[in-house]
Structure formats: C-alpha cells, structure tokens
Amino acid sequence: MKWILIAVIFGVCVFIGFMFSLKYKRRSNFFKALVLLAQKLDVGINFSRERLRSLFDGLDENLKKDLIGIGGNYTTYLDGNGELSQAELFKGINILKEQEKEVVFMFFKMLGRTDVDSQSKEIKNFENRFQDMATSAIMDNKKYGGLSVKMGLIMGLLSAVVLW
C-alpha cells in the first residue's frame, strides 16, 4: 500500500511539472502561429484581396490548432454584428499575459478597418511585435519548460523519500 501511495504521488508531481511545461510550449507555438497568420493575412489582403472571413476559413488545421481557438473566436465575431471584445476573443485562452492579450486584441480589432496599404503597414508592424513576443516565448520555453519537468521530478522524488 505504501509503494502505491509513493508511486501515485510521484506520478502526480511529474504530471504537474509536465503540465506547466506544456503551457510554455503552447505559448511559444501560439506566437509562432500568430507570426504566420500575420504573414498570410498580409499576402492575402495585398495580392488576392480576399475577405477576412475567407482568409480565416482557408487556414490550415495546424495553424488553427496552434492559435488555440482565437481564430474561431474571431470568425464568430465576423459572423455577428457586434463589437469585438477582449473577453470574447480570448474565451478559453489562459496562457497569455495581460500585456500580450492587449497587443493581440489590438491586432484583431484593427483588421478590416482601413484601406489596403494602411492595413498592410499595420499588419507588418504587428508581425514584428509578434516576432519579438515569439522570441521571448521561445526563450521562456527553453528556460522554464524543461525546468518545470525537472522540478516535478525532483518534488516527486523528494516526496517519495519523505514517505519512505
């Protein structure tokens, strides 16, 4: 019975560490996907002059998955007639900091509001900001992602030794 308890506590600690690590990985993937989205929107708006709804519908599944539902939340806004709200755009998304949410929100709020040239300049500006955020998120993932798993492993071993 004692061995089972130790194994369960060890497994829970490692699982918690893995979940924290997954948060950092999802955050870095989100910003990489956001950079790709900005590039695709810039090309789509400049050259094919497609509507935003068709551009979002044409995104590949991996990009949609890495955007963690923000693309779906935005297309829901495009289908309706209301005003875009930050709470609605980030519904179900809890991996971003408040400052990052504000920048991403301003990006989506800006889409479709100005002429093509101004919009292209704004998208490139946001693309550069997203690239900086992606670099920061990748560094955080390298730094804290592995650390989270290691801390979970150490806490599991520590609790196993204490319970022994």
C-alpha atoms as a PDB file:
ATOM      1  CA  MET A   1       0.000   0.000   0.000  1.00  0.00           C
ATOM      2  CA  LYS A   2       2.859   2.332   0.858  1.00  0.00           C
ATOM      3  CA  TRP A   3       4.502   1.702  -2.538  1.00  0.00           C
ATOM      4  CA  ILE A   4       1.302   2.506  -4.380  1.00  0.00           C
ATOM      5  CA  LEU A   5       0.928   5.784  -2.491  1.00  0.00           C
ATOM      6  CA  ILE A   6       4.534   6.736  -3.258  1.00  0.00           C
ATOM      7  CA  ALA A   7       4.077   5.863  -6.938  1.00  0.00           C
ATOM      8  CA  VAL A   8       0.851   7.884  -7.177  1.00  0.00           C
ATOM      9  CA  ILE A   9       2.362  10.954  -5.501  1.00  0.00           C
ATOM     10  CA  PHE A  10       5.459  10.688  -7.702  1.00  0.00           C
ATOM     11  CA  GLY A  11       3.280  10.399 -10.813  1.00  0.00           C
ATOM     12  CA  VAL A  12       1.147  13.390  -9.806  1.00  0.00           C
ATOM     13  CA  CYS A  13       4.220  15.576  -9.213  1.00  0.00           C
ATOM     14  CA  VAL A  14       5.726  14.650 -12.585  1.00  0.00           C
ATOM     15  CA  PHE A  15       2.361  15.231 -14.283  1.00  0.00           C
ATOM     16  CA  ILE A  16       2.048  18.701 -12.733  1.00  0.00           C
ATOM     17  CA  GLY A  17       5.560  19.563 -13.910  1.00  0.00           C
ATOM     18  CA  PHE A  18       4.711  18.326 -17.389  1.00  0.00           C
ATOM     19  CA  MET A  19       1.540  20.434 -17.487  1.00  0.00           C
ATOM     20  CA  PHE A  20       3.492  23.583 -16.592  1.00  0.00           C
ATOM     21  CA  SER A  21       5.993  22.695 -19.310  1.00  0.00           C
ATOM     22  CA  LEU A  22       3.154  22.266 -21.794  1.00  0.00           C
ATOM     23  CA  LYS A  23       1.915  25.781 -21.008  1.00  0.00           C
ATOM     24  CA  TYR A  24       5.236  27.297 -22.092  1.00  0.00           C
ATOM     25  CA  LYS A  25       5.324  25.157 -25.242  1.00  0.00           C
ATOM     26  CA  ARG A  26       1.762  26.127 -26.205  1.00  0.00           C
ATOM     27  CA  ARG A  27       2.593  29.803 -25.627  1.00  0.00           C
ATOM     28  CA  SER A  28       5.637  29.676 -27.915  1.00  0.00           C
ATOM     29  CA  ASN A  29       3.648  27.780 -30.570  1.00  0.00           C
ATOM     30  CA  PHE A  30       0.883  30.383 -30.288  1.00  0.00           C
ATOM     31  CA  PHE A  31       3.199  33.284 -31.065  1.00  0.00           C
ATOM     32  CA  LYS A  32       4.886  31.403 -33.921  1.00  0.00           C
ATOM     33  CA  ALA A  33       1.425  30.752 -35.358  1.00  0.00           C
ATOM     34  CA  LEU A  34       0.482  34.405 -34.866  1.00  0.00           C
ATOM     35  CA  VAL A  35       3.528  35.476 -36.898  1.00  0.00           C
ATOM     36  CA  LEU A  36       2.491  33.067 -39.666  1.00  0.00           C
ATOM     37  CA  LEU A  37      -1.074  34.362 -39.509  1.00  0.00           C
ATOM     38  CA  ALA A  38       0.111  37.957 -39.884  1.00  0.00           C
ATOM     39  CA  GLN A  39       2.217  36.966 -42.899  1.00  0.00           C
ATOM     40  CA  LYS A  40      -0.682  35.093 -44.507  1.00  0.00           C
ATOM     41  CA  LEU A  41      -3.082  37.967 -43.878  1.00  0.00           C
ATOM     42  CA  ASP A  42      -0.640  40.453 -45.366  1.00  0.00           C
ATOM     43  CA  VAL A  43      -0.202  38.383 -48.503  1.00  0.00           C
ATOM     44  CA  GLY A  44      -3.903  37.571 -48.743  1.00  0.00           C
ATOM     45  CA  ILE A  45      -5.007  41.167 -48.336  1.00  0.00           C
ATOM     46  CA  ASN A  46      -2.360  42.666 -50.621  1.00  0.00           C
ATOM     47  CA  PHE A  47      -2.344  40.249 -53.534  1.00  0.00           C
ATOM     48  CA  SER A  48      -5.543  38.250 -53.610  1.00  0.00           C
ATOM     49  CA  ARG A  49      -7.659  40.922 -51.892  1.00  0.00           C
ATOM     50  CA  GLU A  50      -9.740  38.240 -50.222  1.00  0.00           C
ATOM     51  CA  ARG A  51     -12.160  38.923 -47.422  1.00  0.00           C
ATOM     52  CA  LEU A  52     -11.079  38.264 -43.848  1.00  0.00           C
ATOM     53  CA  ARG A  53     -13.640  35.505 -43.370  1.00  0.00           C
ATOM     54  CA  SER A  54     -12.351  33.535 -46.369  1.00  0.00           C
ATOM     55  CA  LEU A  55      -8.752  34.065 -45.243  1.00  0.00           C
ATOM     56  CA  PHE A  56      -9.534  32.648 -41.802  1.00  0.00           C
ATOM     57  CA  ASP A  57     -11.522  29.781 -43.292  1.00  0.00           C
ATOM     58  CA  GLY A  58      -8.549  28.920 -45.504  1.00  0.00           C
ATOM     59  CA  LEU A  59      -6.087  28.495 -42.633  1.00  0.00           C
ATOM     60  CA  ASP A  60      -4.605  25.023 -42.299  1.00  0.00           C
ATOM     61  CA  GLU A  61      -5.529  22.872 -39.320  1.00  0.00           C
ATOM     62  CA  ASN A  62      -2.098  23.006 -37.646  1.00  0.00           C
ATOM     63  CA  LEU A  63      -2.179  26.798 -37.629  1.00  0.00           C
ATOM     64  CA  LYS A  64      -5.723  26.797 -36.241  1.00  0.00           C
ATOM     65  CA  LYS A  65      -4.661  24.347 -33.524  1.00  0.00           C
ATOM     66  CA  ASP A  66      -1.642  26.472 -32.539  1.00  0.00           C
ATOM     67  CA  LEU A  67      -3.824  29.595 -32.374  1.00  0.00           C
ATOM     68  CA  ILE A  68      -5.712  27.873 -29.531  1.00  0.00           C
ATOM     69  CA  GLY A  69      -9.162  28.827 -30.762  1.00  0.00           C
ATOM     70  CA  ILE A  70      -8.556  32.541 -31.252  1.00  0.00           C
ATOM     71  CA  GLY A  71      -9.206  32.177 -34.997  1.00  0.00           C
ATOM     72  CA  GLY A  72     -12.564  30.558 -34.299  1.00  0.00           C
ATOM     73  CA  ASN A  73     -13.442  33.238 -31.769  1.00  0.00           C
ATOM     74  CA  TYR A  74     -12.594  35.916 -34.330  1.00  0.00           C
ATOM     75  CA  THR A  75     -14.635  34.289 -37.106  1.00  0.00           C
ATOM     76  CA  THR A  76     -17.568  34.125 -34.682  1.00  0.00           C
ATOM     77  CA  TYR A  77     -17.184  37.886 -34.275  1.00  0.00           C
ATOM     78  CA  LEU A  78     -17.030  38.300 -38.071  1.00  0.00           C
ATOM     79  CA  ASP A  79     -20.298  36.392 -38.430  1.00  0.00           C
ATOM     80  CA  GLY A  80     -22.063  38.623 -35.913  1.00  0.00           C
ATOM     81  CA  ASN A  81     -22.692  42.347 -35.987  1.00  0.00           C
ATOM     82  CA  GLY A  82     -21.471  43.283 -32.513  1.00  0.00           C
ATOM     83  CA  GLU A  83     -18.297  44.932 -31.317  1.00  0.00           C
ATOM     84  CA  LEU A  84     -15.198  42.783 -30.745  1.00  0.00           C
ATOM     85  CA  SER A  85     -14.483  42.412 -27.036  1.00  0.00           C
ATOM     86  CA  GLN A  86     -11.319  41.181 -25.400  1.00  0.00           C
ATOM     87  CA  ALA A  87     -13.206  38.704 -23.216  1.00  0.00           C
ATOM     88  CA  GLU A  88     -14.901  37.143 -26.231  1.00  0.00           C
ATOM     89  CA  LEU A  89     -11.712  36.963 -28.289  1.00  0.00           C
ATOM     90  CA  PHE A  90      -9.728  35.250 -25.522  1.00  0.00           C
ATOM     91  CA  LYS A  91     -12.543  32.983 -24.325  1.00  0.00           C
ATOM     92  CA  GLY A  92     -10.923  29.752 -23.118  1.00  0.00           C
ATOM     93  CA  ILE A  93      -7.359  31.043 -23.531  1.00  0.00           C
ATOM     94  CA  ASN A  94      -5.307  31.402 -20.350  1.00  0.00           C
ATOM     95  CA  ILE A  95      -1.685  31.125 -21.477  1.00  0.00           C
ATOM     96  CA  LEU A  96      -1.125  34.792 -22.312  1.00  0.00           C
ATOM     97  CA  LYS A  97      -0.096  37.668 -20.102  1.00  0.00           C
ATOM     98  CA  GLU A  98      -2.342  40.748 -19.946  1.00  0.00           C
ATOM     99  CA  GLN A  99       0.062  42.917 -21.955  1.00  0.00           C
ATOM    100  CA  GLU A 100       0.249  40.243 -24.668  1.00  0.00           C
ATOM    101  CA  LYS A 101      -3.528  39.988 -24.733  1.00  0.00           C
ATOM    102  CA  GLU A 102      -3.810  43.726 -25.298  1.00  0.00           C
ATOM    103  CA  VAL A 103      -1.411  43.643 -28.266  1.00  0.00           C
ATOM    104  CA  VAL A 104      -3.127  40.636 -29.838  1.00  0.00           C
ATOM    105  CA  PHE A 105      -6.533  42.218 -29.242  1.00  0.00           C
ATOM    106  CA  MET A 106      -5.456  45.443 -30.950  1.00  0.00           C
ATOM    107  CA  PHE A 107      -4.222  43.394 -33.924  1.00  0.00           C
ATOM    108  CA  PHE A 108      -7.561  41.661 -34.393  1.00  0.00           C
ATOM    109  CA  LYS A 109      -9.506  44.841 -33.732  1.00  0.00           C
ATOM    110  CA  MET A 110      -7.502  46.661 -36.429  1.00  0.00           C
ATOM    111  CA  LEU A 111      -8.202  44.077 -39.142  1.00  0.00           C
ATOM    112  CA  GLY A 112     -10.545  45.256 -41.876  1.00  0.00           C
ATOM    113  CA  ARG A 113     -10.833  48.838 -40.628  1.00  0.00           C
ATOM    114  CA  THR A 114      -8.588  50.740 -43.068  1.00  0.00           C
ATOM    115  CA  ASP A 115      -7.527  50.738 -46.713  1.00  0.00           C
ATOM    116  CA  VAL A 116      -5.227  48.023 -48.079  1.00  0.00           C
ATOM    117  CA  ASP A 117      -1.950  49.990 -47.875  1.00  0.00           C
ATOM    118  CA  SER A 118      -2.502  51.186 -44.308  1.00  0.00           C
ATOM    119  CA  GLN A 119      -3.668  47.740 -43.293  1.00  0.00           C
ATOM    120  CA  SER A 120      -0.565  46.137 -44.786  1.00  0.00           C
ATOM    121  CA  LYS A 121       1.689  48.518 -42.863  1.00  0.00           C
ATOM    122  CA  GLU A 122      -0.169  47.837 -39.629  1.00  0.00           C
ATOM    123  CA  ILE A 123      -0.009  44.070 -40.164  1.00  0.00           C
ATOM    124  CA  LYS A 124       3.763  44.273 -40.752  1.00  0.00           C
ATOM    125  CA  ASN A 125       4.131  46.370 -37.610  1.00  0.00           C
ATOM    126  CA  PHE A 126       2.210  43.798 -35.582  1.00  0.00           C
ATOM    127  CA  GLU A 127       4.144  40.985 -37.265  1.00  0.00           C
ATOM    128  CA  ASN A 128       7.382  42.492 -35.929  1.00  0.00           C
ATOM    129  CA  ARG A 129       5.859  42.795 -32.457  1.00  0.00           C
ATOM    130  CA  PHE A 130       4.644  39.190 -32.629  1.00  0.00           C
ATOM    131  CA  GLN A 131       8.094  38.076 -33.736  1.00  0.00           C
ATOM    132  CA  ASP A 132       9.585  39.723 -30.638  1.00  0.00           C
ATOM    133  CA  MET A 133       6.958  38.059 -28.464  1.00  0.00           C
ATOM    134  CA  ALA A 134       7.632  34.709 -30.156  1.00  0.00           C
ATOM    135  CA  THR A 135      11.349  35.041 -29.466  1.00  0.00           C
ATOM    136  CA  SER A 136      10.625  35.827 -25.829  1.00  0.00           C
ATOM    137  CA  ALA A 137       8.174  32.909 -25.558  1.00  0.00           C
ATOM    138  CA  ILE A 138      10.680  30.508 -27.139  1.00  0.00           C
ATOM    139  CA  MET A 139      13.326  31.625 -24.652  1.00  0.00           C
ATOM    140  CA  ASP A 140      10.859  31.164 -21.774  1.00  0.00           C
ATOM    141  CA  ASN A 141      10.007  27.701 -23.085  1.00  0.00           C
ATOM    142  CA  LYS A 142      13.666  26.722 -23.222  1.00  0.00           C
ATOM    143  CA  LYS A 143      14.321  28.170 -19.789  1.00  0.00           C
ATOM    144  CA  TYR A 144      11.216  27.237 -17.827  1.00  0.00           C
ATOM    145  CA  GLY A 145       9.718  24.361 -19.820  1.00  0.00           C
ATOM    146  CA  GLY A 146      12.473  21.896 -19.001  1.00  0.00           C
ATOM    147  CA  LEU A 147      12.783  23.350 -15.523  1.00  0.00           C
ATOM    148  CA  SER A 148       9.118  22.587 -14.825  1.00  0.00           C
ATOM    149  CA  VAL A 149       9.517  18.913 -15.695  1.00  0.00           C
ATOM    150  CA  LYS A 150      12.714  18.669 -13.652  1.00  0.00           C
ATOM    151  CA  MET A 151      11.079  20.374 -10.669  1.00  0.00           C
ATOM    152  CA  GLY A 152       8.141  17.969 -10.881  1.00  0.00           C
ATOM    153  CA  LEU A 153      10.539  15.045 -10.964  1.00  0.00           C
ATOM    154  CA  ILE A 154      12.538  16.400  -8.016  1.00  0.00           C
ATOM    155  CA  MET A 155       9.387  17.108  -5.988  1.00  0.00           C
ATOM    156  CA  GLY A 156       8.153  13.592  -6.745  1.00  0.00           C
ATOM    157  CA  LEU A 157      11.446  12.066  -5.625  1.00  0.00           C
ATOM    158  CA  LEU A 158      11.541  14.292  -2.550  1.00  0.00           C
ATOM    159  CA  SER A 159       8.015  13.295  -1.530  1.00  0.00           C
ATOM    160  CA  ALA A 160       8.869   9.624  -2.167  1.00  0.00           C
ATOM    161  CA  VAL A 161      11.914   9.876   0.097  1.00  0.00           C
ATOM    162  CA  VAL A 162       9.901  11.638   2.815  1.00  0.00           C
ATOM    163  CA  LEU A 163       7.162   8.996   2.681  1.00  0.00           C
ATOM    164  CA  TRP A 164       9.655   6.126   2.624  1.00  0.00           C
END
